[in-house]
C-alpha atoms as a PDB file:
ATOM      1  CA  MET A   1      -0.019   0.005  -0.022  1.00  0.00           C
ATOM      2  CA  ASN A   2       2.795   2.419   0.856  1.00  0.00           C
ATOM      3  CA  ILE A   3       4.529   1.722  -2.462  1.00  0.00           C
ATOM      4  CA  ALA A   4       1.306   2.388  -4.346  1.00  0.00           C
ATOM      5  CA  GLN A   5       0.812   5.692  -2.573  1.00  0.00           C
ATOM      6  CA  GLY A   6       4.417   6.657  -3.152  1.00  0.00           C
ATOM      7  CA  SER A   7       4.108   5.856  -6.859  1.00  0.00           C
ATOM      8  CA  LEU A   8       0.951   7.931  -7.030  1.00  0.00           C
ATOM      9  CA  GLU A   9       2.702  10.948  -5.559  1.00  0.00           C
ATOM     10  CA  GLU A  10       5.609  10.477  -7.972  1.00  0.00           C
ATOM     11  CA  CYS A  11       3.155  10.493 -10.866  1.00  0.00           C
ATOM     12  CA  ARG A  12       1.546  13.643  -9.446  1.00  0.00           C
ATOM     13  CA  TYR A  13       4.951  15.294  -9.337  1.00  0.00           C
ATOM     14  CA  TYR A  14       5.778  14.394 -12.939  1.00  0.00           C
ATOM     15  CA  LEU A  15       2.399  15.636 -14.167  1.00  0.00           C
ATOM     16  CA  ILE A  16       2.988  18.981 -12.397  1.00  0.00           C
ATOM     17  CA  LEU A  17       6.468  19.130 -13.935  1.00  0.00           C
ATOM     18  CA  ALA A  18       5.126  18.351 -17.407  1.00  0.00           C
ATOM     19  CA  LYS A  19       2.573  21.140 -17.074  1.00  0.00           C
ATOM     20  CA  ASP A  20       5.184  23.590 -15.810  1.00  0.00           C
ATOM     21  CA  LEU A  21       7.469  22.742 -18.741  1.00  0.00           C
ATOM     22  CA  GLY A  22       4.652  23.308 -21.197  1.00  0.00           C
ATOM     23  CA  TYR A  23       4.340  19.779 -22.488  1.00  0.00           C
ATOM     24  CA  GLY A  24       0.589  19.944 -22.481  1.00  0.00           C
ATOM     25  CA  ASP A  25      -2.503  20.201 -20.394  1.00  0.00           C
ATOM     26  CA  THR A  26      -2.401  17.616 -17.641  1.00  0.00           C
ATOM     27  CA  LEU A  27      -5.636  18.674 -15.902  1.00  0.00           C
ATOM     28  CA  GLU A  28      -7.566  15.556 -16.931  1.00  0.00           C
ATOM     29  CA  LEU A  29      -4.709  13.262 -15.902  1.00  0.00           C
ATOM     30  CA  ILE A  30      -4.381  14.979 -12.538  1.00  0.00           C
ATOM     31  CA  SER A  31      -8.169  14.583 -12.067  1.00  0.00           C
ATOM     32  CA  GLN A  32      -7.882  10.875 -12.748  1.00  0.00           C
ATOM     33  CA  LEU A  33      -4.888  10.656 -10.388  1.00  0.00           C
ATOM     34  CA  ASP A  34      -6.981  12.266  -7.667  1.00  0.00           C
ATOM     35  CA  GLU A  35      -9.674   9.632  -8.232  1.00  0.00           C
ATOM     36  CA  VAL A  36      -7.105   6.823  -7.887  1.00  0.00           C
ATOM     37  CA  SER A  37      -5.833   8.498  -4.716  1.00  0.00           C
ATOM     38  CA  LYS A  38      -9.340   8.489  -3.243  1.00  0.00           C
ATOM     39  CA  LEU A  39      -9.753   4.804  -4.122  1.00  0.00           C
ATOM     40  CA  LEU A  40      -6.433   3.927  -2.463  1.00  0.00           C
ATOM     41  CA  ASP A  41      -7.405   5.871   0.657  1.00  0.00           C
ATOM     42  CA  ALA A  42     -10.815   4.135   0.794  1.00  0.00           C
ATOM     43  CA  TYR A  43      -9.170   0.748   0.352  1.00  0.00           C
ATOM     44  CA  HIS A  44      -6.653   1.521   3.073  1.00  0.00           C
ATOM     45  CA  THR A  45      -9.236   2.652   5.599  1.00  0.00           C
ATOM     46  CA  SER A  46     -11.412  -0.437   4.953  1.00  0.00           C
ATOM     47  CA  PHE A  47      -8.945  -2.648   6.812  1.00  0.00           C
END
């Protein structure tokens, strides 16, 4: 679980970096990443 959450934050960082460097609009991807984050949190609290 910790590895999945760490990977999620790493992806978030790279999406922010890509946006800052002007590689494109990452708003939709960040939105999807937020949804995955919510799912991981819900799964984690269910134990």
